[in-house]
Amino acid sequence: QVQLAESGGGLVQAGGSLRLSCAAAGHTFSTYAVGWFRQAPGKEREFVGACSGRGDNTRHAESMEGRCTISRDNAKKTVYLQMNNLKPDDTAVYYCAAKLSSGSWVWLEENEYDYWGQGTLVTVSS
């Protein structure tokens, strides 16, 4: 098993940046692919981005095109979501999730992930 903890959320003005972290505890982190999802008030949870276990493949949602970068440091057991040019529509609770997958695959659907963090709130003011 792996335990996940997100951090780095907070209040930011539109146009600002935040870097979210997803720290893992448990098994060898490089054997897990990681995804980022978010849930805005009154909306369903949606995909934001994902990173393969090796860290050599990433994907992100079209809504984040040109505004986010996903990276990971397996030695620190941490995956990062760098978000720039934030918009009020980005306001949500952001979750990281992990799936046992040590290769280069990325996973885009939340039902493919087995472990979830508690989430971190990002609020973007206009």
N, C-alpha and C. Protein backbone atom coordinates (compact mmCIF):
# COMPACT_ATOMS: atom_id res chain seq x y z
N GLN A 1 0.82 -1.19 0.00
CA GLN A 1 0.00 0.00 0.00
C GLN A 1 0.86 1.25 0.00
N VAL A 2 0.24 2.35 -0.37
CA VAL A 2 0.92 3.63 -0.33
C VAL A 2 -0.03 4.66 0.25
N GLN A 3 0.49 5.51 1.07
CA GLN A 3 -0.30 6.61 1.64
C GLN A 3 0.13 7.91 0.98
N LEU A 4 -0.84 8.73 0.64
CA LEU A 4 -0.58 9.96 -0.09
C LEU A 4 -1.03 11.17 0.72
N ALA A 5 -0.27 12.24 0.61
CA ALA A 5 -0.63 13.49 1.29
C ALA A 5 -0.33 14.66 0.38
N GLU A 6 -1.35 15.42 0.05
CA GLU A 6 -1.18 16.60 -0.78
C GLU A 6 -0.86 17.81 0.09
N SER A 7 -0.15 18.75 -0.49
CA SER A 7 0.12 20.02 0.17
C SER A 7 0.37 21.07 -0.89
N GLY A 8 0.37 22.32 -0.45
CA GLY A 8 0.68 23.41 -1.37
C GLY A 8 -0.51 24.22 -1.82
N GLY A 9 -1.71 23.80 -1.44
CA GLY A 9 -2.87 24.58 -1.82
C GLY A 9 -2.95 25.87 -1.04
N GLY A 10 -3.87 26.72 -1.45
CA GLY A 10 -4.05 27.99 -0.76
C GLY A 10 -4.83 28.96 -1.60
N LEU A 11 -4.79 30.20 -1.20
CA LEU A 11 -5.49 31.28 -1.90
C LEU A 11 -4.50 32.03 -2.78
N VAL A 12 -4.87 32.19 -4.02
CA VAL A 12 -4.00 32.89 -4.96
C VAL A 12 -4.87 33.76 -5.88
N GLN A 13 -4.33 34.85 -6.32
CA GLN A 13 -5.06 35.71 -7.25
C GLN A 13 -5.00 35.15 -8.67
N ALA A 14 -5.98 35.47 -9.45
CA ALA A 14 -5.99 35.06 -10.85
C ALA A 14 -4.69 35.51 -11.53
N GLY A 15 -4.13 34.62 -12.32
CA GLY A 15 -2.85 34.89 -12.96
C GLY A 15 -1.66 34.40 -12.17
N GLY A 16 -1.89 34.01 -10.94
CA GLY A 16 -0.81 33.54 -10.09
C GLY A 16 -0.48 32.08 -10.32
N SER A 17 0.46 31.59 -9.51
CA SER A 17 0.95 30.21 -9.65
C SER A 17 0.93 29.50 -8.30
N LEU A 18 0.82 28.20 -8.38
CA LEU A 18 0.94 27.35 -7.20
C LEU A 18 1.64 26.07 -7.60
N ARG A 19 2.38 25.50 -6.67
CA ARG A 19 2.94 24.17 -6.88
C ARG A 19 2.40 23.25 -5.81
N LEU A 20 1.64 22.28 -6.24
CA LEU A 20 1.12 21.28 -5.33
C LEU A 20 2.09 20.11 -5.25
N SER A 21 2.16 19.53 -4.07
CA SER A 21 3.00 18.36 -3.85
C SER A 21 2.15 17.19 -3.41
N CYS A 22 2.55 16.02 -3.84
CA CYS A 22 1.91 14.78 -3.41
C CYS A 22 3.02 13.90 -2.86
N ALA A 23 3.06 13.79 -1.54
CA ALA A 23 4.11 13.01 -0.89
C ALA A 23 3.57 11.62 -0.55
N ALA A 24 4.39 10.63 -0.80
CA ALA A 24 3.97 9.26 -0.58
C ALA A 24 4.75 8.60 0.54
N ALA A 25 4.10 7.72 1.23
CA ALA A 25 4.75 6.89 2.24
C ALA A 25 4.35 5.45 1.97
N GLY A 26 5.28 4.54 2.14
CA GLY A 26 4.96 3.15 1.89
C GLY A 26 5.95 2.51 0.95
N HIS A 27 5.42 1.77 -0.01
CA HIS A 27 6.27 1.00 -0.89
C HIS A 27 7.10 1.88 -1.83
N THR A 28 7.97 1.26 -2.58
CA THR A 28 8.81 1.97 -3.53
C THR A 28 7.95 2.81 -4.46
N PHE A 29 8.17 4.09 -4.41
CA PHE A 29 7.28 5.02 -5.09
C PHE A 29 7.38 4.93 -6.60
N SER A 30 8.51 4.53 -7.11
CA SER A 30 8.68 4.46 -8.57
C SER A 30 7.83 3.37 -9.20
N THR A 31 7.23 2.52 -8.40
CA THR A 31 6.35 1.49 -8.95
C THR A 31 4.91 1.98 -9.08
N TYR A 32 4.68 3.26 -8.79
CA TYR A 32 3.33 3.81 -8.84
C TYR A 32 3.24 4.95 -9.84
N ALA A 33 2.23 4.86 -10.70
CA ALA A 33 1.86 6.01 -11.52
C ALA A 33 0.97 6.91 -10.66
N VAL A 34 1.02 8.19 -10.92
CA VAL A 34 0.27 9.16 -10.11
C VAL A 34 -0.58 10.04 -10.99
N GLY A 35 -1.77 10.30 -10.53
CA GLY A 35 -2.67 11.21 -11.23
C GLY A 35 -3.10 12.33 -10.32
N TRP A 36 -3.43 13.44 -10.93
CA TRP A 36 -4.02 14.58 -10.22
C TRP A 36 -5.45 14.78 -10.72
N PHE A 37 -6.34 14.98 -9.79
CA PHE A 37 -7.74 15.24 -10.09
C PHE A 37 -8.20 16.43 -9.24
N ARG A 38 -9.31 17.00 -9.62
CA ARG A 38 -9.85 18.10 -8.84
C ARG A 38 -11.36 18.03 -8.82
N GLN A 39 -11.92 18.60 -7.76
CA GLN A 39 -13.36 18.65 -7.65
C GLN A 39 -13.77 20.04 -7.18
N ALA A 40 -14.46 20.72 -8.05
CA ALA A 40 -14.98 22.05 -7.72
C ALA A 40 -16.31 21.92 -7.01
N PRO A 41 -16.72 22.92 -6.26
CA PRO A 41 -18.01 22.85 -5.55
C PRO A 41 -19.15 22.58 -6.51
N GLY A 42 -19.94 21.58 -6.20
CA GLY A 42 -21.11 21.26 -7.00
C GLY A 42 -20.82 20.54 -8.30
N LYS A 43 -19.57 20.16 -8.50
CA LYS A 43 -19.19 19.49 -9.75
C LYS A 43 -18.56 18.13 -9.46
N GLU A 44 -18.50 17.31 -10.49
CA GLU A 44 -17.87 16.02 -10.35
C GLU A 44 -16.35 16.17 -10.39
N ARG A 45 -15.69 15.18 -9.84
CA ARG A 45 -14.24 15.20 -9.88
C ARG A 45 -13.76 15.00 -11.31
N GLU A 46 -12.71 15.73 -11.69
CA GLU A 46 -12.23 15.65 -13.05
C GLU A 46 -10.71 15.49 -13.09
N PHE A 47 -10.24 14.96 -14.19
CA PHE A 47 -8.82 14.72 -14.41
C PHE A 47 -8.09 16.04 -14.65
N VAL A 48 -6.92 16.16 -14.03
CA VAL A 48 -6.07 17.33 -14.25
C VAL A 48 -4.80 16.93 -14.98
N GLY A 49 -4.13 15.89 -14.50
CA GLY A 49 -2.90 15.45 -15.13
C GLY A 49 -2.42 14.15 -14.52
N ALA A 50 -1.43 13.55 -15.16
CA ALA A 50 -0.92 12.27 -14.67
C ALA A 50 0.53 12.11 -15.07
N CYS A 51 1.22 11.26 -14.31
CA CYS A 51 2.64 11.00 -14.53
C CYS A 51 2.89 9.51 -14.39
N SER A 52 3.69 8.96 -15.28
CA SER A 52 4.00 7.54 -15.20
C SER A 52 4.92 7.25 -14.01
N GLY A 53 5.02 5.98 -13.67
CA GLY A 53 5.88 5.59 -12.57
C GLY A 53 7.34 5.97 -12.80
N ARG A 54 7.76 5.83 -14.05
CA ARG A 54 9.14 6.18 -14.38
C ARG A 54 9.36 7.68 -14.44
N GLY A 55 8.27 8.41 -14.58
CA GLY A 55 8.39 9.85 -14.72
C GLY A 55 8.72 10.31 -16.12
N ASP A 56 8.65 9.39 -17.09
CA ASP A 56 9.04 9.73 -18.45
C ASP A 56 7.85 10.04 -19.35
N ASN A 57 6.67 10.02 -18.80
CA ASN A 57 5.47 10.27 -19.59
C ASN A 57 4.46 11.02 -18.72
N THR A 58 3.96 12.12 -19.22
CA THR A 58 2.95 12.89 -18.51
C THR A 58 1.83 13.27 -19.47
N ARG A 59 0.67 13.47 -18.92
CA ARG A 59 -0.47 13.97 -19.67
C ARG A 59 -1.18 15.01 -18.80
N HIS A 60 -1.91 15.92 -19.45
CA HIS A 60 -2.71 16.86 -18.68
C HIS A 60 -4.00 17.12 -19.43
N ALA A 61 -4.96 17.62 -18.70
CA ALA A 61 -6.26 17.93 -19.29
C ALA A 61 -6.14 19.11 -20.24
N GLU A 62 -7.05 19.16 -21.21
CA GLU A 62 -7.03 20.28 -22.16
C GLU A 62 -7.21 21.61 -21.44
N SER A 63 -7.97 21.60 -20.36
CA SER A 63 -8.22 22.85 -19.63
C SER A 63 -6.93 23.40 -19.00
N MET A 64 -5.92 22.55 -18.87
CA MET A 64 -4.66 22.98 -18.28
C MET A 64 -3.56 23.17 -19.33
N GLU A 65 -3.93 23.10 -20.59
CA GLU A 65 -2.96 23.20 -21.68
C GLU A 65 -2.11 24.45 -21.53
N GLY A 66 -0.80 24.26 -21.51
CA GLY A 66 0.12 25.38 -21.42
C GLY A 66 0.21 26.00 -20.05
N ARG A 67 -0.51 25.46 -19.08
CA ARG A 67 -0.53 26.08 -17.75
C ARG A 67 -0.04 25.17 -16.65
N CYS A 68 0.23 23.93 -16.95
CA CYS A 68 0.66 23.06 -15.86
C CYS A 68 1.79 22.14 -16.29
N THR A 69 2.59 21.78 -15.31
CA THR A 69 3.69 20.85 -15.49
C THR A 69 3.66 19.83 -14.36
N ILE A 70 3.78 18.58 -14.73
CA ILE A 70 3.82 17.51 -13.73
C ILE A 70 5.22 16.91 -13.73
N SER A 71 5.75 16.74 -12.55
CA SER A 71 7.07 16.14 -12.43
C SER A 71 7.10 15.29 -11.17
N ARG A 72 8.12 14.47 -11.06
CA ARG A 72 8.23 13.64 -9.86
C ARG A 72 9.69 13.46 -9.48
N ASP A 73 9.88 13.29 -8.19
CA ASP A 73 11.20 13.00 -7.64
C ASP A 73 11.03 11.71 -6.84
N ASN A 74 11.39 10.60 -7.44
CA ASN A 74 11.16 9.31 -6.78
C ASN A 74 12.02 9.14 -5.53
N ALA A 75 13.16 9.79 -5.50
CA ALA A 75 14.00 9.71 -4.31
C ALA A 75 13.30 10.36 -3.11
N LYS A 76 12.53 11.41 -3.41
CA LYS A 76 11.78 12.09 -2.35
C LYS A 76 10.36 11.57 -2.24
N LYS A 77 10.02 10.62 -3.11
CA LYS A 77 8.66 10.05 -3.11
C LYS A 77 7.61 11.15 -3.23
N THR A 78 7.84 12.05 -4.15
CA THR A 78 6.95 13.19 -4.30
C THR A 78 6.68 13.47 -5.77
N VAL A 79 5.43 13.78 -6.06
CA VAL A 79 5.02 14.23 -7.39
C VAL A 79 4.53 15.66 -7.26
N TYR A 80 4.87 16.48 -8.23
CA TYR A 80 4.53 17.89 -8.19
C TYR A 80 3.58 18.25 -9.32
N LEU A 81 2.69 19.17 -9.02
CA LEU A 81 1.82 19.76 -10.04
C LEU A 81 2.03 21.26 -9.98
N GLN A 82 2.75 21.76 -10.96
CA GLN A 82 2.99 23.19 -11.07
C GLN A 82 1.90 23.80 -11.93
N MET A 83 1.18 24.74 -11.41
CA MET A 83 0.09 25.38 -12.14
C MET A 83 0.36 26.87 -12.24
N ASN A 84 0.28 27.38 -13.45
CA ASN A 84 0.53 28.79 -13.72
C ASN A 84 -0.70 29.44 -14.33
N ASN A 85 -0.69 30.76 -14.31
CA ASN A 85 -1.80 31.53 -14.89
C ASN A 85 -3.15 30.98 -14.41
N LEU A 86 -3.27 30.86 -13.12
CA LEU A 86 -4.47 30.27 -12.55
C LEU A 86 -5.68 31.17 -12.78
N LYS A 87 -6.82 30.51 -12.92
CA LYS A 87 -8.08 31.20 -13.18
C LYS A 87 -9.07 30.86 -12.07
N PRO A 88 -10.07 31.69 -11.87
CA PRO A 88 -11.08 31.37 -10.86
C PRO A 88 -11.71 29.99 -11.07
N ASP A 89 -11.83 29.57 -12.33
CA ASP A 89 -12.41 28.24 -12.61
C ASP A 89 -11.52 27.10 -12.13
N ASP A 90 -10.29 27.40 -11.77
CA ASP A 90 -9.40 26.38 -11.24
C ASP A 90 -9.64 26.13 -9.75
N THR A 91 -10.50 26.92 -9.15
CA THR A 91 -10.82 26.72 -7.73
C THR A 91 -11.43 25.35 -7.51
N ALA A 92 -10.82 24.58 -6.65
CA ALA A 92 -11.27 23.20 -6.41
C ALA A 92 -10.42 22.57 -5.31
N VAL A 93 -10.87 21.43 -4.86
CA VAL A 93 -10.01 20.58 -4.04
C VAL A 93 -9.23 19.68 -5.00
N TYR A 94 -7.93 19.68 -4.85
CA TYR A 94 -7.06 18.90 -5.73
C TYR A 94 -6.60 17.64 -4.99
N TYR A 95 -6.74 16.53 -5.68
CA TYR A 95 -6.38 15.24 -5.12
C TYR A 95 -5.28 14.58 -5.95
N CYS A 96 -4.39 13.90 -5.29
CA CYS A 96 -3.50 13.02 -6.03
C CYS A 96 -3.92 11.58 -5.75
N ALA A 97 -3.62 10.73 -6.71
CA ALA A 97 -4.00 9.33 -6.63
C ALA A 97 -2.87 8.50 -7.21
N ALA A 98 -2.76 7.26 -6.75
CA ALA A 98 -1.68 6.40 -7.20
C ALA A 98 -2.21 5.04 -7.63
N LYS A 99 -1.49 4.48 -8.59
CA LYS A 99 -1.83 3.16 -9.12
C LYS A 99 -0.53 2.39 -9.30
N LEU A 100 -0.52 1.15 -8.89
CA LEU A 100 0.67 0.32 -9.05
C LEU A 100 0.94 0.14 -10.53
N SER A 101 1.99 0.78 -11.03
CA SER A 101 2.31 0.77 -12.45
C SER A 101 3.72 1.34 -12.61
N SER A 102 4.68 0.48 -12.84
CA SER A 102 6.07 0.93 -12.82
C SER A 102 6.62 1.34 -14.18
N GLY A 103 5.83 1.22 -15.23
CA GLY A 103 6.33 1.52 -16.56
C GLY A 103 6.08 2.95 -16.98
N SER A 104 5.82 3.13 -18.25
CA SER A 104 5.64 4.46 -18.82
C SER A 104 4.19 4.82 -19.10
N TRP A 105 3.27 3.95 -18.67
CA TRP A 105 1.86 4.24 -18.90
C TRP A 105 1.39 5.37 -17.99
N VAL A 106 0.44 6.15 -18.50
CA VAL A 106 -0.28 7.10 -17.66
C VAL A 106 -1.74 6.70 -17.67
N TRP A 107 -2.42 7.03 -16.60
CA TRP A 107 -3.80 6.61 -16.42
C TRP A 107 -4.66 7.85 -16.23
N LEU A 108 -5.75 7.93 -16.97
CA LEU A 108 -6.52 9.16 -17.04
C LEU A 108 -7.85 9.11 -16.31
N GLU A 109 -8.30 7.92 -15.93
CA GLU A 109 -9.61 7.78 -15.32
C GLU A 109 -9.48 7.54 -13.82
N GLU A 110 -10.32 8.21 -13.05
CA GLU A 110 -10.18 8.10 -11.60
C GLU A 110 -10.44 6.69 -11.10
N ASN A 111 -11.28 5.92 -11.80
CA ASN A 111 -11.57 4.57 -11.33
C ASN A 111 -10.41 3.60 -11.59
N GLU A 112 -9.35 4.08 -12.22
CA GLU A 112 -8.17 3.25 -12.44
C GLU A 112 -7.19 3.33 -11.27
N TYR A 113 -7.40 4.28 -10.39
CA TYR A 113 -6.48 4.50 -9.28
C TYR A 113 -6.97 3.83 -8.01
N ASP A 114 -6.01 3.35 -7.24
CA ASP A 114 -6.33 2.57 -6.06
C ASP A 114 -6.16 3.34 -4.75
N TYR A 115 -5.30 4.33 -4.74
CA TYR A 115 -4.99 5.06 -3.51
C TYR A 115 -5.17 6.54 -3.74
N TRP A 116 -5.73 7.20 -2.73
CA TRP A 116 -6.05 8.62 -2.84
C TRP A 116 -5.60 9.37 -1.60
N GLY A 117 -5.20 10.61 -1.83
CA GLY A 117 -4.93 11.50 -0.71
C GLY A 117 -6.20 12.19 -0.26
N GLN A 118 -6.07 13.04 0.75
CA GLN A 118 -7.22 13.72 1.33
C GLN A 118 -7.57 15.00 0.59
N GLY A 119 -6.67 15.48 -0.23
CA GLY A 119 -6.96 16.66 -1.02
C GLY A 119 -6.40 17.93 -0.40
N THR A 120 -6.17 18.91 -1.25
CA THR A 120 -5.73 20.23 -0.81
C THR A 120 -6.53 21.27 -1.58
N LEU A 121 -7.00 22.28 -0.88
CA LEU A 121 -7.89 23.27 -1.48
C LEU A 121 -7.10 24.37 -2.17
N VAL A 122 -7.48 24.62 -3.40
CA VAL A 122 -6.93 25.74 -4.17
C VAL A 122 -8.07 26.72 -4.44
N THR A 123 -7.88 27.95 -4.04
CA THR A 123 -8.87 28.98 -4.27
C THR A 123 -8.23 30.09 -5.07
N VAL A 124 -8.83 30.39 -6.21
CA VAL A 124 -8.30 31.44 -7.08
C VAL A 124 -9.28 32.59 -7.09
N SER A 125 -8.84 33.74 -6.65
CA SER A 125 -9.71 34.90 -6.59
C SER A 125 -9.56 35.74 -7.86
N SER A 126 -10.66 36.37 -8.22
CA SER A 126 -10.64 37.19 -9.45
C SER A 126 -10.19 38.60 -9.18
